[in-house]
mmCIF file of all heavy atoms, coordinates in Angstrom:
data_MODEL
# 
_entry.id   MODEL 
# 
loop_
_atom_site.group_PDB 
_atom_site.id 
_atom_site.type_symbol 
_atom_site.label_atom_id 
_atom_site.label_alt_id 
_atom_site.label_comp_id 
_atom_site.label_asym_id 
_atom_site.label_entity_id 
_atom_site.label_seq_id 
_atom_site.pdbx_PDB_ins_code 
_atom_site.Cartn_x 
_atom_site.Cartn_y 
_atom_site.Cartn_z 
_atom_site.occupancy 
_atom_site.B_iso_or_equiv 
_atom_site.pdbx_formal_charge 
_atom_site.auth_seq_id 
_atom_site.auth_comp_id 
_atom_site.auth_asym_id 
_atom_site.auth_atom_id 
_atom_site.pdbx_PDB_model_num 
ATOM 1   N N   . ARG A 1 1  ? -61.924 -44.672 16.940  1.00 0.00 ? 1  ARG A N   1 
ATOM 2   C CA  . ARG A 1 1  ? -61.206 -45.883 17.379  1.00 0.00 ? 1  ARG A CA  1 
ATOM 3   C C   . ARG A 1 1  ? -59.697 -45.704 17.284  1.00 0.00 ? 1  ARG A C   1 
ATOM 4   O O   . ARG A 1 1  ? -58.949 -46.131 18.172  1.00 0.00 ? 1  ARG A O   1 
ATOM 5   C CB  . ARG A 1 1  ? -61.659 -47.072 16.526  1.00 0.00 ? 1  ARG A CB  1 
ATOM 6   C CG  . ARG A 1 1  ? -60.807 -48.328 16.608  1.00 0.00 ? 1  ARG A CG  1 
ATOM 7   C CD  . ARG A 1 1  ? -60.836 -48.966 17.993  1.00 0.00 ? 1  ARG A CD  1 
ATOM 8   N NE  . ARG A 1 1  ? -60.086 -50.201 18.005  1.00 0.00 ? 1  ARG A NE  1 
ATOM 9   C CZ  . ARG A 1 1  ? -58.771 -50.290 18.127  1.00 0.00 ? 1  ARG A CZ  1 
ATOM 10  N NH1 . ARG A 1 1  ? -58.033 -49.174 18.229  1.00 0.00 ? 1  ARG A NH1 1 
ATOM 11  N NH2 . ARG A 1 1  ? -58.158 -51.456 18.130  1.00 0.00 ? 1  ARG A NH2 1 
ATOM 12  N N   . PHE A 1 2  ? -59.228 -45.089 16.212  1.00 0.00 ? 2  PHE A N   1 
ATOM 13  C CA  . PHE A 1 2  ? -57.789 -44.960 15.993  1.00 0.00 ? 2  PHE A CA  1 
ATOM 14  C C   . PHE A 1 2  ? -57.272 -43.546 16.266  1.00 0.00 ? 2  PHE A C   1 
ATOM 15  O O   . PHE A 1 2  ? -56.117 -43.249 15.944  1.00 0.00 ? 2  PHE A O   1 
ATOM 16  C CB  . PHE A 1 2  ? -57.441 -45.368 14.559  1.00 0.00 ? 2  PHE A CB  1 
ATOM 17  C CG  . PHE A 1 2  ? -57.817 -46.785 14.237  1.00 0.00 ? 2  PHE A CG  1 
ATOM 18  C CD1 . PHE A 1 2  ? -58.838 -47.064 13.343  1.00 0.00 ? 2  PHE A CD1 1 
ATOM 19  C CD2 . PHE A 1 2  ? -57.168 -47.850 14.836  1.00 0.00 ? 2  PHE A CD2 1 
ATOM 20  C CE1 . PHE A 1 2  ? -59.187 -48.364 13.033  1.00 0.00 ? 2  PHE A CE1 1 
ATOM 21  C CE2 . PHE A 1 2  ? -57.511 -49.161 14.536  1.00 0.00 ? 2  PHE A CE2 1 
ATOM 22  C CZ  . PHE A 1 2  ? -58.535 -49.410 13.640  1.00 0.00 ? 2  PHE A CZ  1 
ATOM 23  N N   . HIS A 1 3  ? -58.130 -42.690 16.818  1.00 0.00 ? 3  HIS A N   1 
ATOM 24  C CA  . HIS A 1 3  ? -57.728 -41.339 17.234  1.00 0.00 ? 3  HIS A CA  1 
ATOM 25  C C   . HIS A 1 3  ? -57.126 -40.561 16.067  1.00 0.00 ? 3  HIS A C   1 
ATOM 26  O O   . HIS A 1 3  ? -56.019 -40.021 16.154  1.00 0.00 ? 3  HIS A O   1 
ATOM 27  C CB  . HIS A 1 3  ? -56.724 -41.412 18.395  1.00 0.00 ? 3  HIS A CB  1 
ATOM 28  C CG  . HIS A 1 3  ? -57.189 -42.274 19.531  1.00 0.00 ? 3  HIS A CG  1 
ATOM 29  N ND1 . HIS A 1 3  ? -58.212 -41.905 20.393  1.00 0.00 ? 3  HIS A ND1 1 
ATOM 30  C CD2 . HIS A 1 3  ? -56.782 -43.506 19.939  1.00 0.00 ? 3  HIS A CD2 1 
ATOM 31  C CE1 . HIS A 1 3  ? -58.404 -42.854 21.290  1.00 0.00 ? 3  HIS A CE1 1 
ATOM 32  N NE2 . HIS A 1 3  ? -57.553 -43.836 21.041  1.00 0.00 ? 3  HIS A NE2 1 
ATOM 33  N N   . LEU A 1 4  ? -57.866 -40.516 14.992  1.00 0.00 ? 4  LEU A N   1 
ATOM 34  C CA  . LEU A 1 4  ? -57.414 -39.806 13.803  1.00 0.00 ? 4  LEU A CA  1 
ATOM 35  C C   . LEU A 1 4  ? -58.166 -38.496 13.659  1.00 0.00 ? 4  LEU A C   1 
ATOM 36  O O   . LEU A 1 4  ? -59.341 -38.388 14.025  1.00 0.00 ? 4  LEU A O   1 
ATOM 37  C CB  . LEU A 1 4  ? -57.640 -40.661 12.549  1.00 0.00 ? 4  LEU A CB  1 
ATOM 38  C CG  . LEU A 1 4  ? -56.803 -41.930 12.422  1.00 0.00 ? 4  LEU A CG  1 
ATOM 39  C CD1 . LEU A 1 4  ? -57.197 -42.670 11.145  1.00 0.00 ? 4  LEU A CD1 1 
ATOM 40  C CD2 . LEU A 1 4  ? -55.317 -41.622 12.416  1.00 0.00 ? 4  LEU A CD2 1 
ATOM 41  N N   . ASP A 1 5  ? -57.482 -37.521 13.120  1.00 0.00 ? 5  ASP A N   1 
ATOM 42  C CA  . ASP A 1 5  ? -58.083 -36.229 12.808  1.00 0.00 ? 5  ASP A CA  1 
ATOM 43  C C   . ASP A 1 5  ? -58.181 -36.121 11.298  1.00 0.00 ? 5  ASP A C   1 
ATOM 44  O O   . ASP A 1 5  ? -57.217 -35.735 10.620  1.00 0.00 ? 5  ASP A O   1 
ATOM 45  C CB  . ASP A 1 5  ? -57.243 -35.092 13.394  1.00 0.00 ? 5  ASP A CB  1 
ATOM 46  C CG  . ASP A 1 5  ? -57.915 -33.733 13.212  1.00 0.00 ? 5  ASP A CG  1 
ATOM 47  O OD1 . ASP A 1 5  ? -59.123 -33.730 12.882  1.00 0.00 ? 5  ASP A OD1 1 
ATOM 48  O OD2 . ASP A 1 5  ? -57.239 -32.696 13.392  1.00 0.00 ? 5  ASP A OD2 1 
ATOM 49  N N   . LEU A 1 6  ? -59.330 -36.508 10.749  1.00 0.00 ? 6  LEU A N   1 
ATOM 50  C CA  . LEU A 1 6  ? -59.512 -36.546 9.311   1.00 0.00 ? 6  LEU A CA  1 
ATOM 51  C C   . LEU A 1 6  ? -60.064 -35.219 8.811   1.00 0.00 ? 6  LEU A C   1 
ATOM 52  O O   . LEU A 1 6  ? -60.877 -34.572 9.470   1.00 0.00 ? 6  LEU A O   1 
ATOM 53  C CB  . LEU A 1 6  ? -60.471 -37.671 8.930   1.00 0.00 ? 6  LEU A CB  1 
ATOM 54  C CG  . LEU A 1 6  ? -60.030 -39.096 9.292   1.00 0.00 ? 6  LEU A CG  1 
ATOM 55  C CD1 . LEU A 1 6  ? -61.124 -40.088 8.906   1.00 0.00 ? 6  LEU A CD1 1 
ATOM 56  C CD2 . LEU A 1 6  ? -58.724 -39.453 8.597   1.00 0.00 ? 6  LEU A CD2 1 
ATOM 57  N N   . SER A 1 7  ? -59.606 -34.809 7.663   1.00 0.00 ? 7  SER A N   1 
ATOM 58  C CA  . SER A 1 7  ? -60.128 -33.603 7.008   1.00 0.00 ? 7  SER A CA  1 
ATOM 59  C C   . SER A 1 7  ? -60.861 -34.040 5.740   1.00 0.00 ? 7  SER A C   1 
ATOM 60  O O   . SER A 1 7  ? -60.269 -34.661 4.857   1.00 0.00 ? 7  SER A O   1 
ATOM 61  C CB  . SER A 1 7  ? -58.987 -32.641 6.659   1.00 0.00 ? 7  SER A CB  1 
ATOM 62  O OG  . SER A 1 7  ? -58.046 -33.267 5.815   1.00 0.00 ? 7  SER A OG  1 
ATOM 63  N N   . MET A 1 8  ? -62.141 -33.739 5.671   1.00 0.00 ? 8  MET A N   1 
ATOM 64  C CA  . MET A 1 8  ? -62.965 -34.145 4.542   1.00 0.00 ? 8  MET A CA  1 
ATOM 65  C C   . MET A 1 8  ? -62.823 -33.165 3.379   1.00 0.00 ? 8  MET A C   1 
ATOM 66  O O   . MET A 1 8  ? -62.640 -31.971 3.579   1.00 0.00 ? 8  MET A O   1 
ATOM 67  C CB  . MET A 1 8  ? -64.438 -34.243 4.969   1.00 0.00 ? 8  MET A CB  1 
ATOM 68  C CG  . MET A 1 8  ? -64.693 -35.284 6.033   1.00 0.00 ? 8  MET A CG  1 
ATOM 69  S SD  . MET A 1 8  ? -64.341 -36.957 5.412   1.00 0.00 ? 8  MET A SD  1 
ATOM 70  C CE  . MET A 1 8  ? -64.636 -37.910 6.900   1.00 0.00 ? 8  MET A CE  1 
ATOM 71  N N   . SER A 1 9  ? -62.901 -33.688 2.194   1.00 0.00 ? 9  SER A N   1 
ATOM 72  C CA  . SER A 1 9  ? -62.855 -32.889 0.978   1.00 0.00 ? 9  SER A CA  1 
ATOM 73  C C   . SER A 1 9  ? -64.174 -33.051 0.232   1.00 0.00 ? 9  SER A C   1 
ATOM 74  O O   . SER A 1 9  ? -64.845 -34.088 0.347   1.00 0.00 ? 9  SER A O   1 
ATOM 75  C CB  . SER A 1 9  ? -61.689 -33.326 0.090   1.00 0.00 ? 9  SER A CB  1 
ATOM 76  O OG  . SER A 1 9  ? -61.751 -32.693 -1.178  1.00 0.00 ? 9  SER A OG  1 
ATOM 77  N N   . TRP A 1 10 ? -64.539 -32.051 -0.546  1.00 0.00 ? 10 TRP A N   1 
ATOM 78  C CA  . TRP A 1 10 ? -65.774 -32.147 -1.324  1.00 0.00 ? 10 TRP A CA  1 
ATOM 79  C C   . TRP A 1 10 ? -65.671 -33.229 -2.396  1.00 0.00 ? 10 TRP A C   1 
ATOM 80  O O   . TRP A 1 10 ? -66.692 -33.693 -2.915  1.00 0.00 ? 10 TRP A O   1 
ATOM 81  C CB  . TRP A 1 10 ? -66.083 -30.806 -1.978  1.00 0.00 ? 10 TRP A CB  1 
ATOM 82  C CG  . TRP A 1 10 ? -65.073 -30.381 -3.010  1.00 0.00 ? 10 TRP A CG  1 
ATOM 83  C CD1 . TRP A 1 10 ? -63.953 -29.643 -2.805  1.00 0.00 ? 10 TRP A CD1 1 
ATOM 84  C CD2 . TRP A 1 10 ? -65.097 -30.691 -4.405  1.00 0.00 ? 10 TRP A CD2 1 
ATOM 85  N NE1 . TRP A 1 10 ? -63.267 -29.464 -3.981  1.00 0.00 ? 10 TRP A NE1 1 
ATOM 86  C CE2 . TRP A 1 10 ? -63.950 -30.102 -4.985  1.00 0.00 ? 10 TRP A CE2 1 
ATOM 87  C CE3 . TRP A 1 10 ? -65.965 -31.399 -5.229  1.00 0.00 ? 10 TRP A CE3 1 
ATOM 88  C CZ2 . TRP A 1 10 ? -63.660 -30.210 -6.340  1.00 0.00 ? 10 TRP A CZ2 1 
ATOM 89  C CZ3 . TRP A 1 10 ? -65.685 -31.515 -6.581  1.00 0.00 ? 10 TRP A CZ3 1 
ATOM 90  C CH2 . TRP A 1 10 ? -64.536 -30.915 -7.125  1.00 0.00 ? 10 TRP A CH2 1 
ATOM 91  N N   . LEU A 1 11 ? -64.457 -33.659 -2.703  1.00 0.00 ? 11 LEU A N   1 
ATOM 92  C CA  . LEU A 1 11 ? -64.277 -34.708 -3.708  1.00 0.00 ? 11 LEU A CA  1 
ATOM 93  C C   . LEU A 1 11 ? -64.820 -36.054 -3.259  1.00 0.00 ? 11 LEU A C   1 
ATOM 94  O O   . LEU A 1 11 ? -64.968 -36.966 -4.079  1.00 0.00 ? 11 LEU A O   1 
ATOM 95  C CB  . LEU A 1 11 ? -62.789 -34.847 -4.047  1.00 0.00 ? 11 LEU A CB  1 
ATOM 96  C CG  . LEU A 1 11 ? -62.144 -33.655 -4.769  1.00 0.00 ? 11 LEU A CG  1 
ATOM 97  C CD1 . LEU A 1 11 ? -60.652 -33.886 -4.924  1.00 0.00 ? 11 LEU A CD1 1 
ATOM 98  C CD2 . LEU A 1 11 ? -62.804 -33.439 -6.124  1.00 0.00 ? 11 LEU A CD2 1 
ATOM 99  N N   . ILE A 1 12 ? -65.099 -36.193 -1.941  1.00 0.00 ? 12 ILE A N   1 
ATOM 100 C CA  . ILE A 1 12 ? -65.617 -37.463 -1.457  1.00 0.00 ? 12 ILE A CA  1 
ATOM 101 C C   . ILE A 1 12 ? -66.986 -37.768 -2.060  1.00 0.00 ? 12 ILE A C   1 
ATOM 102 O O   . ILE A 1 12 ? -67.346 -38.932 -2.268  1.00 0.00 ? 12 ILE A O   1 
ATOM 103 C CB  . ILE A 1 12 ? -65.688 -37.466 0.088   1.00 0.00 ? 12 ILE A CB  1 
ATOM 104 C CG1 . ILE A 1 12 ? -65.977 -38.878 0.610   1.00 0.00 ? 12 ILE A CG1 1 
ATOM 105 C CG2 . ILE A 1 12 ? -66.747 -36.495 0.583   1.00 0.00 ? 12 ILE A CG2 1 
ATOM 106 C CD1 . ILE A 1 12 ? -65.928 -38.974 2.118   1.00 0.00 ? 12 ILE A CD1 1 
ATOM 107 N N   . VAL A 1 13 ? -67.768 -36.733 -2.393  1.00 0.00 ? 13 VAL A N   1 
ATOM 108 C CA  . VAL A 1 13 ? -69.105 -36.943 -2.953  1.00 0.00 ? 13 VAL A CA  1 
ATOM 109 C C   . VAL A 1 13 ? -69.032 -37.513 -4.371  1.00 0.00 ? 13 VAL A C   1 
ATOM 110 O O   . VAL A 1 13 ? -69.597 -38.579 -4.641  1.00 0.00 ? 13 VAL A O   1 
ATOM 111 C CB  . VAL A 1 13 ? -69.909 -35.637 -2.913  1.00 0.00 ? 13 VAL A CB  1 
ATOM 112 C CG1 . VAL A 1 13 ? -71.266 -35.829 -3.592  1.00 0.00 ? 13 VAL A CG1 1 
ATOM 113 C CG2 . VAL A 1 13 ? -70.097 -35.171 -1.476  1.00 0.00 ? 13 VAL A CG2 1 
ATOM 114 N N   . PRO A 1 14 ? -68.329 -36.872 -5.322  1.00 0.00 ? 14 PRO A N   1 
ATOM 115 C CA  . PRO A 1 14 ? -68.239 -37.494 -6.657  1.00 0.00 ? 14 PRO A CA  1 
ATOM 116 C C   . PRO A 1 14 ? -67.474 -38.808 -6.637  1.00 0.00 ? 14 PRO A C   1 
ATOM 117 O O   . PRO A 1 14 ? -67.784 -39.709 -7.431  1.00 0.00 ? 14 PRO A O   1 
ATOM 118 C CB  . PRO A 1 14 ? -67.515 -36.435 -7.500  1.00 0.00 ? 14 PRO A CB  1 
ATOM 119 C CG  . PRO A 1 14 ? -66.808 -35.572 -6.523  1.00 0.00 ? 14 PRO A CG  1 
ATOM 120 C CD  . PRO A 1 14 ? -67.660 -35.554 -5.298  1.00 0.00 ? 14 PRO A CD  1 
ATOM 121 N N   . ALA A 1 15 ? -66.488 -38.948 -5.730  1.00 0.00 ? 15 ALA A N   1 
ATOM 122 C CA  . ALA A 1 15 ? -65.752 -40.212 -5.658  1.00 0.00 ? 15 ALA A CA  1 
ATOM 123 C C   . ALA A 1 15 ? -66.663 -41.349 -5.215  1.00 0.00 ? 15 ALA A C   1 
ATOM 124 O O   . ALA A 1 15 ? -66.631 -42.449 -5.786  1.00 0.00 ? 15 ALA A O   1 
ATOM 125 C CB  . ALA A 1 15 ? -64.573 -40.073 -4.702  1.00 0.00 ? 15 ALA A CB  1 
ATOM 126 N N   . ALA A 1 16 ? -67.493 -41.099 -4.190  1.00 0.00 ? 16 ALA A N   1 
ATOM 127 C CA  . ALA A 1 16 ? -68.416 -42.140 -3.716  1.00 0.00 ? 16 ALA A CA  1 
ATOM 128 C C   . ALA A 1 16 ? -69.428 -42.500 -4.795  1.00 0.00 ? 16 ALA A C   1 
ATOM 129 O O   . ALA A 1 16 ? -69.742 -43.682 -5.003  1.00 0.00 ? 16 ALA A O   1 
ATOM 130 C CB  . ALA A 1 16 ? -69.123 -41.664 -2.453  1.00 0.00 ? 16 ALA A CB  1 
ATOM 131 N N   . LEU A 1 17 ? -69.940 -41.495 -5.508  1.00 0.00 ? 17 LEU A N   1 
ATOM 132 C CA  . LEU A 1 17 ? -70.900 -41.775 -6.581  1.00 0.00 ? 17 LEU A CA  1 
ATOM 133 C C   . LEU A 1 17 ? -70.248 -42.554 -7.723  1.00 0.00 ? 17 LEU A C   1 
ATOM 134 O O   . LEU A 1 17 ? -70.872 -43.466 -8.293  1.00 0.00 ? 17 LEU A O   1 
ATOM 135 C CB  . LEU A 1 17 ? -71.485 -40.468 -7.105  1.00 0.00 ? 17 LEU A CB  1 
ATOM 136 C CG  . LEU A 1 17 ? -72.366 -39.689 -6.129  1.00 0.00 ? 17 LEU A CG  1 
ATOM 137 C CD1 . LEU A 1 17 ? -72.819 -38.374 -6.757  1.00 0.00 ? 17 LEU A CD1 1 
ATOM 138 C CD2 . LEU A 1 17 ? -73.567 -40.517 -5.704  1.00 0.00 ? 17 LEU A CD2 1 
ATOM 139 N N   . LEU A 1 18 ? -69.007 -42.233 -8.045  1.00 0.00 ? 18 LEU A N   1 
ATOM 140 C CA  . LEU A 1 18 ? -68.310 -42.936 -9.116  1.00 0.00 ? 18 LEU A CA  1 
ATOM 141 C C   . LEU A 1 18 ? -68.040 -44.393 -8.724  1.00 0.00 ? 18 LEU A C   1 
ATOM 142 O O   . LEU A 1 18 ? -68.194 -45.308 -9.548  1.00 0.00 ? 18 LEU A O   1 
ATOM 143 C CB  . LEU A 1 18 ? -66.999 -42.224 -9.449  1.00 0.00 ? 18 LEU A CB  1 
ATOM 144 C CG  . LEU A 1 18 ? -66.177 -42.810 -10.597 1.00 0.00 ? 18 LEU A CG  1 
ATOM 145 C CD1 . LEU A 1 18 ? -66.982 -42.804 -11.887 1.00 0.00 ? 18 LEU A CD1 1 
ATOM 146 C CD2 . LEU A 1 18 ? -64.872 -42.036 -10.773 1.00 0.00 ? 18 LEU A CD2 1 
ATOM 147 N N   . ILE A 1 19 ? -67.634 -44.617 -7.470  1.00 0.00 ? 19 ILE A N   1 
ATOM 148 C CA  . ILE A 1 19 ? -67.398 -45.984 -6.997  1.00 0.00 ? 19 ILE A CA  1 
ATOM 149 C C   . ILE A 1 19 ? -68.690 -46.792 -7.037  1.00 0.00 ? 19 ILE A C   1 
ATOM 150 O O   . ILE A 1 19 ? -68.722 -47.945 -7.498  1.00 0.00 ? 19 ILE A O   1 
ATOM 151 C CB  . ILE A 1 19 ? -66.813 -45.965 -5.577  1.00 0.00 ? 19 ILE A CB  1 
ATOM 152 C CG1 . ILE A 1 19 ? -65.409 -45.361 -5.589  1.00 0.00 ? 19 ILE A CG1 1 
ATOM 153 C CG2 . ILE A 1 19 ? -66.769 -47.370 -4.977  1.00 0.00 ? 19 ILE A CG2 1 
ATOM 154 C CD1 . ILE A 1 19 ? -64.853 -45.096 -4.203  1.00 0.00 ? 19 ILE A CD1 1 
ATOM 155 N N   . ALA A 1 20 ? -69.779 -46.180 -6.550  1.00 0.00 ? 20 ALA A N   1 
ATOM 156 C CA  . ALA A 1 20 ? -71.060 -46.881 -6.537  1.00 0.00 ? 20 ALA A CA  1 
ATOM 157 C C   . ALA A 1 20 ? -71.541 -47.181 -7.952  1.00 0.00 ? 20 ALA A C   1 
ATOM 158 O O   . ALA A 1 20 ? -72.031 -48.284 -8.237  1.00 0.00 ? 20 ALA A O   1 
ATOM 159 C CB  . ALA A 1 20 ? -72.095 -46.051 -5.785  1.00 0.00 ? 20 ALA A CB  1 
ATOM 160 N N   . LEU A 1 21 ? -71.394 -46.214 -8.868  1.00 0.00 ? 21 LEU A N   1 
ATOM 161 C CA  . LEU A 1 21 ? -71.843 -46.414 -10.244 1.00 0.00 ? 21 LEU A CA  1 
ATOM 162 C C   . LEU A 1 21 ? -71.037 -47.499 -10.943 1.00 0.00 ? 21 LEU A C   1 
ATOM 163 O O   . LEU A 1 21 ? -71.588 -48.367 -11.628 1.00 0.00 ? 21 LEU A O   1 
ATOM 164 C CB  . LEU A 1 21 ? -71.748 -45.094 -11.015 1.00 0.00 ? 21 LEU A CB  1 
ATOM 165 C CG  . LEU A 1 21 ? -72.115 -45.149 -12.505 1.00 0.00 ? 21 LEU A CG  1 
ATOM 166 C CD1 . LEU A 1 21 ? -73.559 -45.574 -12.666 1.00 0.00 ? 21 LEU A CD1 1 
ATOM 167 C CD2 . LEU A 1 21 ? -71.882 -43.799 -13.164 1.00 0.00 ? 21 LEU A CD2 1 
ATOM 168 N N   . THR A 1 22 ? -69.709 -47.477 -10.760 1.00 0.00 ? 22 THR A N   1 
ATOM 169 C CA  . THR A 1 22 ? -68.852 -48.466 -11.416 1.00 0.00 ? 22 THR A CA  1 
ATOM 170 C C   . THR A 1 22 ? -69.140 -49.878 -10.906 1.00 0.00 ? 22 THR A C   1 
ATOM 171 O O   . THR A 1 22 ? -69.319 -50.818 -11.690 1.00 0.00 ? 22 THR A O   1 
ATOM 172 C CB  . THR A 1 22 ? -67.373 -48.113 -11.187 1.00 0.00 ? 22 THR A CB  1 
ATOM 173 O OG1 . THR A 1 22 ? -67.116 -46.798 -11.658 1.00 0.00 ? 22 THR A OG1 1 
ATOM 174 C CG2 . THR A 1 22 ? -66.475 -49.096 -11.920 1.00 0.00 ? 22 THR A CG2 1 
ATOM 175 N N   . SER A 1 23 ? -69.180 -50.044 -9.593  1.00 0.00 ? 23 SER A N   1 
ATOM 176 C CA  . SER A 1 23 ? -69.416 -51.377 -9.031  1.00 0.00 ? 23 SER A CA  1 
ATOM 177 C C   . SER A 1 23 ? -70.815 -51.880 -9.355  1.00 0.00 ? 23 SER A C   1 
ATOM 178 O O   . SER A 1 23 ? -70.998 -53.064 -9.667  1.00 0.00 ? 23 SER A O   1 
ATOM 179 C CB  . SER A 1 23 ? -69.191 -51.357 -7.525  1.00 0.00 ? 23 SER A CB  1 
ATOM 180 O OG  . SER A 1 23 ? -70.038 -50.402 -6.896  1.00 0.00 ? 23 SER A OG  1 
ATOM 181 N N   . ALA A 1 24 ? -71.819 -51.002 -9.301  1.00 0.00 ? 24 ALA A N   1 
ATOM 182 C CA  . ALA A 1 24 ? -73.177 -51.422 -9.627  1.00 0.00 ? 24 ALA A CA  1 
ATOM 183 C C   . ALA A 1 24 ? -73.310 -51.803 -11.098 1.00 0.00 ? 24 ALA A C   1 
ATOM 184 O O   . ALA A 1 24 ? -74.023 -52.747 -11.440 1.00 0.00 ? 24 ALA A O   1 
ATOM 185 C CB  . ALA A 1 24 ? -74.172 -50.324 -9.276  1.00 0.00 ? 24 ALA A CB  1 
ATOM 186 N N   . SER A 1 25 ? -72.604 -51.095 -11.978 1.00 0.00 ? 25 SER A N   1 
ATOM 187 C CA  . SER A 1 25 ? -72.648 -51.431 -13.405 1.00 0.00 ? 25 SER A CA  1 
ATOM 188 C C   . SER A 1 25 ? -72.043 -52.803 -13.653 1.00 0.00 ? 25 SER A C   1 
ATOM 189 O O   . SER A 1 25 ? -72.582 -53.605 -14.430 1.00 0.00 ? 25 SER A O   1 
ATOM 190 C CB  . SER A 1 25 ? -71.906 -50.366 -14.215 1.00 0.00 ? 25 SER A CB  1 
ATOM 191 O OG  . SER A 1 25 ? -72.496 -49.095 -14.047 1.00 0.00 ? 25 SER A OG  1 
ATOM 192 N N   . ILE A 1 26 ? -70.919 -53.090 -12.987 1.00 0.00 ? 26 ILE A N   1 
ATOM 193 C CA  . ILE A 1 26 ? -70.320 -54.421 -13.125 1.00 0.00 ? 26 ILE A CA  1 
ATOM 194 C C   . ILE A 1 26 ? -71.246 -55.481 -12.545 1.00 0.00 ? 26 ILE A C   1 
ATOM 195 O O   . ILE A 1 26 ? -71.413 -56.575 -13.109 1.00 0.00 ? 26 ILE A O   1 
ATOM 196 C CB  . ILE A 1 26 ? -68.949 -54.458 -12.432 1.00 0.00 ? 26 ILE A CB  1 
ATOM 197 C CG1 . ILE A 1 26 ? -67.981 -53.481 -13.112 1.00 0.00 ? 26 ILE A CG1 1 
ATOM 198 C CG2 . ILE A 1 26 ? -68.360 -55.869 -12.455 1.00 0.00 ? 26 ILE A CG2 1 
ATOM 199 C CD1 . ILE A 1 26 ? -66.649 -53.337 -12.406 1.00 0.00 ? 26 ILE A CD1 1 
ATOM 200 N N   . GLY A 1 27 ? -71.882 -55.174 -11.393 1.00 0.00 ? 27 GLY A N   1 
ATOM 201 C CA  . GLY A 1 27 ? -72.820 -56.114 -10.799 1.00 0.00 ? 27 GLY A CA  1 
ATOM 202 C C   . GLY A 1 27 ? -74.004 -56.397 -11.704 1.00 0.00 ? 27 GLY A C   1 
ATOM 203 O O   . GLY A 1 27 ? -74.442 -57.552 -11.836 1.00 0.00 ? 27 GLY A O   1 
ATOM 204 N N   . TYR A 1 28 ? -74.531 -55.357 -12.355 1.00 0.00 ? 28 TYR A N   1 
ATOM 205 C CA  . TYR A 1 28 ? -75.627 -55.551 -13.297 1.00 0.00 ? 28 TYR A CA  1 
ATOM 206 C C   . TYR A 1 28 ? -75.190 -56.402 -14.484 1.00 0.00 ? 28 TYR A C   1 
ATOM 207 O O   . TYR A 1 28 ? -75.958 -57.232 -14.987 1.00 0.00 ? 28 TYR A O   1 
ATOM 208 C CB  . TYR A 1 28 ? -76.140 -54.201 -13.781 1.00 0.00 ? 28 TYR A CB  1 
ATOM 209 C CG  . TYR A 1 28 ? -77.311 -53.674 -12.981 1.00 0.00 ? 28 TYR A CG  1 
ATOM 210 C CD1 . TYR A 1 28 ? -77.105 -52.802 -11.914 1.00 0.00 ? 28 TYR A CD1 1 
ATOM 211 C CD2 . TYR A 1 28 ? -78.608 -54.050 -13.284 1.00 0.00 ? 28 TYR A CD2 1 
ATOM 212 C CE1 . TYR A 1 28 ? -78.163 -52.321 -11.176 1.00 0.00 ? 28 TYR A CE1 1 
ATOM 213 C CE2 . TYR A 1 28 ? -79.673 -53.565 -12.551 1.00 0.00 ? 28 TYR A CE2 1 
ATOM 214 C CZ  . TYR A 1 28 ? -79.451 -52.700 -11.495 1.00 0.00 ? 28 TYR A CZ  1 
ATOM 215 O OH  . TYR A 1 28 ? -80.501 -52.229 -10.750 1.00 0.00 ? 28 TYR A OH  1 
ATOM 216 N N   . ALA A 1 29 ? -73.966 -56.180 -14.961 1.00 0.00 ? 29 ALA A N   1 
ATOM 217 C CA  . ALA A 1 29 ? -73.467 -56.977 -16.085 1.00 0.00 ? 29 ALA A CA  1 
ATOM 218 C C   . ALA A 1 29 ? -73.375 -58.457 -15.707 1.00 0.00 ? 29 ALA A C   1 
ATOM 219 O O   . ALA A 1 29 ? -73.756 -59.335 -16.481 1.00 0.00 ? 29 ALA A O   1 
ATOM 220 C CB  . ALA A 1 29 ? -72.099 -56.453 -16.515 1.00 0.00 ? 29 ALA A CB  1 
# 
């Protein structure tokens, strides 16, 4: 949509898992 050339990093995997774990833990609380 915005004509961007993004370069992915392997850090996206642990970052996504950390975001999901943190938000889900707060949601469970």
